[in-house]
Amino acid sequence: MTEKHRIELVVNGRRHTAEVEPRTLLVDFLRDELGLKGTHIGCEHGVCGACTVLLDGRTIRSCTTFAVQAEGAHVGTVEGLADGPDLHPLQDEFWDKQALQCGFCTPAMLLTASELLERNPDPTPAQVREAVSGNLCRCTGYQFITEAVLAAAARMRAGEQTGAQA
């Protein structure tokens, strides 16, 4: 019988307690135990960035992080960006600027951009491209993503926190 460890963590503002095997990956815990399917599984080696989540406000690869490593931490997933029915400015701008294409990389791009804008509310296009360069996108060529992040940054600096999407 495999031993289990009790973990407590806050995911998208909600406290969770669970018993997990030491080998349970954070991505699997989020998807399978909490039903948060926005965190995608891509390469399973931490190279593609599809599994990116926020751990205490910093982006990490959840496919190379064990759930037990998140003990006591605050985890943010794409499901936590919106404010109820109101999309986060990043989500709104990704929609408006067609920066989501197939959508596979979108959750990770949104969280990466969220971390960037938290640290730097007025990034240059080059800073945006560098920030998201660790997340592979095969559809957009990063131009629409860069435009969306810059537009969201401008909205956020102007104080517009959310936008409704019909």
C-alpha atoms as a PDB file:
ATOM      1  CA  MET A   1       0.000   0.000   0.000  1.00  0.00           C
ATOM      2  CA  THR A   2       1.332   3.427  -0.974  1.00  0.00           C
ATOM      3  CA  GLU A   3       1.667   5.934   1.818  1.00  0.00           C
ATOM      4  CA  LYS A   4      -0.261   9.172   1.455  1.00  0.00           C
ATOM      5  CA  HIS A   5       0.498  12.653   2.673  1.00  0.00           C
ATOM      6  CA  ARG A   6      -2.022  15.187   3.803  1.00  0.00           C
ATOM      7  CA  ILE A   7      -1.694  18.533   2.075  1.00  0.00           C
ATOM      8  CA  GLU A   8      -3.450  21.815   2.596  1.00  0.00           C
ATOM      9  CA  LEU A   9      -3.294  24.510  -0.034  1.00  0.00           C
ATOM     10  CA  VAL A  10      -5.319  27.393  -1.368  1.00  0.00           C
ATOM     11  CA  VAL A  11      -6.295  27.140  -5.023  1.00  0.00           C
ATOM     12  CA  ASN A  12      -7.896  30.164  -6.660  1.00  0.00           C
ATOM     13  CA  GLY A  13      -8.773  31.525  -3.239  1.00  0.00           C
ATOM     14  CA  ARG A  14     -10.385  28.327  -1.928  1.00  0.00           C
ATOM     15  CA  ARG A  15      -8.765  26.181   0.768  1.00  0.00           C
ATOM     16  CA  HIS A  16      -8.373  22.485  -0.041  1.00  0.00           C
ATOM     17  CA  THR A  17      -7.218  19.566   2.074  1.00  0.00           C
ATOM     18  CA  ALA A  18      -6.377  16.242   0.463  1.00  0.00           C
ATOM     19  CA  GLU A  19      -4.508  12.985   0.901  1.00  0.00           C
ATOM     20  CA  VAL A  20      -2.060  12.446  -1.965  1.00  0.00           C
ATOM     21  CA  GLU A  21       0.621   9.952  -2.862  1.00  0.00           C
ATOM     22  CA  PRO A  22       4.105  11.494  -2.737  1.00  0.00           C
ATOM     23  CA  ARG A  23       4.481  10.957  -6.496  1.00  0.00           C
ATOM     24  CA  THR A  24       1.273  12.818  -7.432  1.00  0.00           C
ATOM     25  CA  LEU A  25       2.116  15.674  -9.739  1.00  0.00           C
ATOM     26  CA  LEU A  26       0.518  19.044  -9.116  1.00  0.00           C
ATOM     27  CA  VAL A  27      -0.951  19.061 -12.632  1.00  0.00           C
ATOM     28  CA  ASP A  28      -2.675  15.736 -11.959  1.00  0.00           C
ATOM     29  CA  PHE A  29      -3.944  16.917  -8.569  1.00  0.00           C
ATOM     30  CA  LEU A  30      -5.404  20.080 -10.091  1.00  0.00           C
ATOM     31  CA  ARG A  31      -7.020  18.277 -13.011  1.00  0.00           C
ATOM     32  CA  ASP A  32      -8.102  14.993 -11.430  1.00  0.00           C
ATOM     33  CA  GLU A  33      -8.791  15.871  -7.803  1.00  0.00           C
ATOM     34  CA  LEU A  34     -10.031  19.452  -8.154  1.00  0.00           C
ATOM     35  CA  GLY A  35     -11.477  19.246 -11.667  1.00  0.00           C
ATOM     36  CA  LEU A  36      -9.503  22.263 -12.903  1.00  0.00           C
ATOM     37  CA  LYS A  37      -9.006  21.181 -16.506  1.00  0.00           C
ATOM     38  CA  GLY A  38      -7.626  24.550 -17.654  1.00  0.00           C
ATOM     39  CA  THR A  39      -4.161  23.442 -16.598  1.00  0.00           C
ATOM     40  CA  HIS A  40      -3.060  21.463 -19.631  1.00  0.00           C
ATOM     41  CA  ILE A  41      -0.701  18.522 -19.920  1.00  0.00           C
ATOM     42  CA  GLY A  42       1.658  18.815 -22.863  1.00  0.00           C
ATOM     43  CA  CYS A  43       5.163  17.403 -22.935  1.00  0.00           C
ATOM     44  CA  GLU A  44       5.193  16.190 -19.308  1.00  0.00           C
ATOM     45  CA  HIS A  45       8.839  17.304 -19.044  1.00  0.00           C
ATOM     46  CA  GLY A  46       8.426  21.019 -18.265  1.00  0.00           C
ATOM     47  CA  VAL A  47       9.541  22.108 -21.728  1.00  0.00           C
ATOM     48  CA  CYS A  48       6.346  23.250 -23.459  1.00  0.00           C
ATOM     49  CA  GLY A  49       4.878  25.334 -20.623  1.00  0.00           C
ATOM     50  CA  ALA A  50       1.274  24.149 -21.122  1.00  0.00           C
ATOM     51  CA  CYS A  51       1.050  23.149 -17.447  1.00  0.00           C
ATOM     52  CA  THR A  52       2.075  26.564 -16.100  1.00  0.00           C
ATOM     53  CA  VAL A  53       0.328  27.688 -12.914  1.00  0.00           C
ATOM     54  CA  LEU A  54       1.080  30.298 -10.269  1.00  0.00           C
ATOM     55  CA  LEU A  55       2.575  29.096  -6.994  1.00  0.00           C
ATOM     56  CA  ASP A  56       2.601  31.922  -4.467  1.00  0.00           C
ATOM     57  CA  GLY A  57       2.414  34.363  -7.355  1.00  0.00           C
ATOM     58  CA  ARG A  58       5.275  32.885  -9.414  1.00  0.00           C
ATOM     59  CA  THR A  59       4.902  30.757 -12.521  1.00  0.00           C
ATOM     60  CA  ILE A  60       5.933  27.134 -12.217  1.00  0.00           C
ATOM     61  CA  ARG A  61       5.613  24.000 -14.301  1.00  0.00           C
ATOM     62  CA  SER A  62       2.999  21.858 -12.581  1.00  0.00           C
ATOM     63  CA  CYS A  63       4.041  18.740 -14.538  1.00  0.00           C
ATOM     64  CA  THR A  64       7.418  18.713 -12.767  1.00  0.00           C
ATOM     65  CA  THR A  65       6.153  19.803  -9.352  1.00  0.00           C
ATOM     66  CA  PHE A  66       4.751  17.341  -6.850  1.00  0.00           C
ATOM     67  CA  ALA A  67       1.482  18.203  -5.155  1.00  0.00           C
ATOM     68  CA  VAL A  68       3.186  17.811  -1.759  1.00  0.00           C
ATOM     69  CA  GLN A  69       5.524  20.659  -2.735  1.00  0.00           C
ATOM     70  CA  ALA A  70       2.490  22.959  -2.830  1.00  0.00           C
ATOM     71  CA  GLU A  71       1.739  22.293   0.856  1.00  0.00           C
ATOM     72  CA  GLY A  72       0.680  25.577   2.456  1.00  0.00           C
ATOM     73  CA  ALA A  73       0.964  27.494  -0.814  1.00  0.00           C
ATOM     74  CA  HIS A  74      -1.432  29.593  -2.842  1.00  0.00           C
ATOM     75  CA  VAL A  75      -1.938  28.143  -6.319  1.00  0.00           C
ATOM     76  CA  GLY A  76      -3.491  30.095  -9.161  1.00  0.00           C
ATOM     77  CA  THR A  77      -4.933  28.506 -12.282  1.00  0.00           C
ATOM     78  CA  VAL A  78      -6.622  30.045 -15.298  1.00  0.00           C
ATOM     79  CA  GLU A  79      -9.991  29.336 -13.689  1.00  0.00           C
ATOM     80  CA  GLY A  80      -9.100  31.869 -11.004  1.00  0.00           C
ATOM     81  CA  LEU A  81      -8.457  34.811 -13.335  1.00  0.00           C
ATOM     82  CA  ALA A  82     -12.056  35.794 -14.039  1.00  0.00           C
ATOM     83  CA  ASP A  83     -14.120  37.657 -11.476  1.00  0.00           C
ATOM     84  CA  GLY A  84     -17.363  35.704 -11.647  1.00  0.00           C
ATOM     85  CA  PRO A  85     -18.875  36.311 -15.086  1.00  0.00           C
ATOM     86  CA  ASP A  86     -16.431  39.150 -15.806  1.00  0.00           C
ATOM     87  CA  LEU A  87     -13.293  38.166 -17.654  1.00  0.00           C
ATOM     88  CA  HIS A  88      -9.905  39.409 -16.515  1.00  0.00           C
ATOM     89  CA  PRO A  89      -8.569  42.079 -18.920  1.00  0.00           C
ATOM     90  CA  LEU A  90      -6.012  39.544 -20.171  1.00  0.00           C
ATOM     91  CA  GLN A  91      -8.750  37.045 -21.034  1.00  0.00           C
ATOM     92  CA  ASP A  92     -10.822  39.765 -22.657  1.00  0.00           C
ATOM     93  CA  GLU A  93      -7.920  41.001 -24.779  1.00  0.00           C
ATOM     94  CA  PHE A  94      -6.845  37.487 -25.786  1.00  0.00           C
ATOM     95  CA  TRP A  95     -10.378  37.064 -27.109  1.00  0.00           C
ATOM     96  CA  ASP A  96     -10.480  40.464 -28.821  1.00  0.00           C
ATOM     97  CA  LYS A  97      -7.004  40.177 -30.383  1.00  0.00           C
ATOM     98  CA  GLN A  98      -7.468  36.546 -31.520  1.00  0.00           C
ATOM     99  CA  ALA A  99      -4.546  35.487 -29.352  1.00  0.00           C
ATOM    100  CA  LEU A 100      -6.079  32.153 -28.436  1.00  0.00           C
ATOM    101  CA  GLN A 101      -6.310  30.288 -31.737  1.00  0.00           C
ATOM    102  CA  CYS A 102      -6.452  26.562 -30.807  1.00  0.00           C
ATOM    103  CA  GLY A 103      -6.386  27.472 -27.106  1.00  0.00           C
ATOM    104  CA  PHE A 104      -3.987  24.802 -25.886  1.00  0.00           C
ATOM    105  CA  CYS A 105      -1.299  27.240 -24.744  1.00  0.00           C
ATOM    106  CA  THR A 106      -3.760  29.948 -23.692  1.00  0.00           C
ATOM    107  CA  PRO A 107      -4.120  29.147 -19.956  1.00  0.00           C
ATOM    108  CA  ALA A 108      -0.346  29.100 -19.493  1.00  0.00           C
ATOM    109  CA  MET A 109       0.095  32.264 -21.558  1.00  0.00           C
ATOM    110  CA  LEU A 110      -2.538  34.050 -19.476  1.00  0.00           C
ATOM    111  CA  LEU A 111      -0.900  33.071 -16.184  1.00  0.00           C
ATOM    112  CA  THR A 112       2.567  33.964 -17.451  1.00  0.00           C
ATOM    113  CA  ALA A 113       1.287  37.348 -18.622  1.00  0.00           C
ATOM    114  CA  SER A 114      -0.479  37.822 -15.297  1.00  0.00           C
ATOM    115  CA  GLU A 115       2.788  37.321 -13.427  1.00  0.00           C
ATOM    116  CA  LEU A 116       4.582  39.687 -15.810  1.00  0.00           C
ATOM    117  CA  LEU A 117       1.989  42.445 -15.357  1.00  0.00           C
ATOM    118  CA  GLU A 118       2.074  42.023 -11.592  1.00  0.00           C
ATOM    119  CA  ARG A 119       5.827  42.703 -11.650  1.00  0.00           C
ATOM    120  CA  ASN A 120       5.843  45.166 -14.554  1.00  0.00           C
ATOM    121  CA  PRO A 121       2.530  46.914 -15.325  1.00  0.00           C
ATOM    122  CA  ASP A 122       3.974  48.688 -18.384  1.00  0.00           C
ATOM    123  CA  PRO A 123       6.083  46.155 -20.308  1.00  0.00           C
ATOM    124  CA  THR A 124       7.605  46.712 -23.726  1.00  0.00           C
ATOM    125  CA  PRO A 125       6.743  44.357 -26.587  1.00  0.00           C
ATOM    126  CA  ALA A 126      10.188  42.769 -26.200  1.00  0.00           C
ATOM    127  CA  GLN A 127       9.586  42.170 -22.488  1.00  0.00           C
ATOM    128  CA  VAL A 128       6.254  40.506 -23.232  1.00  0.00           C
ATOM    129  CA  ARG A 129       7.800  38.271 -25.897  1.00  0.00           C
ATOM    130  CA  GLU A 130      10.595  37.281 -23.539  1.00  0.00           C
ATOM    131  CA  ALA A 131       8.170  36.544 -20.697  1.00  0.00           C
ATOM    132  CA  VAL A 132       5.980  34.240 -22.792  1.00  0.00           C
ATOM    133  CA  SER A 133       8.839  32.646 -24.728  1.00  0.00           C
ATOM    134  CA  GLY A 134       8.929  29.684 -22.340  1.00  0.00           C
ATOM    135  CA  ASN A 135       5.421  28.680 -23.417  1.00  0.00           C
ATOM    136  CA  LEU A 136       5.203  27.050 -26.812  1.00  0.00           C
ATOM    137  CA  CYS A 137       2.511  28.273 -29.201  1.00  0.00           C
ATOM    138  CA  ARG A 138       2.218  26.719 -32.624  1.00  0.00           C
ATOM    139  CA  CYS A 139      -0.676  28.879 -33.897  1.00  0.00           C
ATOM    140  CA  THR A 140      -0.230  32.584 -33.322  1.00  0.00           C
ATOM    141  CA  GLY A 141       3.464  33.236 -33.761  1.00  0.00           C
ATOM    142  CA  TYR A 142       3.245  35.242 -30.512  1.00  0.00           C
ATOM    143  CA  GLN A 143       2.331  38.524 -32.246  1.00  0.00           C
ATOM    144  CA  PHE A 144      -1.357  38.431 -31.274  1.00  0.00           C
ATOM    145  CA  ILE A 145      -0.396  37.291 -27.779  1.00  0.00           C
ATOM    146  CA  THR A 146       1.994  40.231 -27.413  1.00  0.00           C
ATOM    147  CA  GLU A 147      -0.668  42.663 -28.652  1.00  0.00           C
ATOM    148  CA  ALA A 148      -3.228  41.226 -26.241  1.00  0.00           C
ATOM    149  CA  VAL A 149      -0.906  41.492 -23.234  1.00  0.00           C
ATOM    150  CA  LEU A 150       0.002  45.089 -24.077  1.00  0.00           C
ATOM    151  CA  ALA A 151      -3.671  46.038 -24.514  1.00  0.00           C
ATOM    152  CA  ALA A 152      -4.587  44.378 -21.202  1.00  0.00           C
ATOM    153  CA  ALA A 153      -1.707  46.177 -19.488  1.00  0.00           C
ATOM    154  CA  ALA A 154      -2.988  49.509 -20.774  1.00  0.00           C
ATOM    155  CA  ARG A 155      -6.508  48.736 -19.548  1.00  0.00           C
ATOM    156  CA  MET A 156      -5.227  47.666 -16.143  1.00  0.00           C
ATOM    157  CA  ARG A 157      -3.091  50.794 -15.786  1.00  0.00           C
ATOM    158  CA  ALA A 158      -6.192  52.853 -16.630  1.00  0.00           C
ATOM    159  CA  GLY A 159      -8.015  51.120 -13.793  1.00  0.00           C
ATOM    160  CA  GLU A 160     -10.313  48.921 -15.853  1.00  0.00           C
ATOM    161  CA  GLN A 161     -10.063  45.623 -13.974  1.00  0.00           C
ATOM    162  CA  THR A 162     -12.607  43.469 -15.779  1.00  0.00           C
ATOM    163  CA  GLY A 163     -14.513  43.372 -18.994  1.00  0.00           C
ATOM    164  CA  ALA A 164     -17.669  41.422 -19.751  1.00  0.00           C
ATOM    165  CA  GLN A 165     -17.634  39.006 -22.652  1.00  0.00           C
ATOM    166  CA  ALA A 166     -20.928  38.174 -24.328  1.00  0.00           C
END
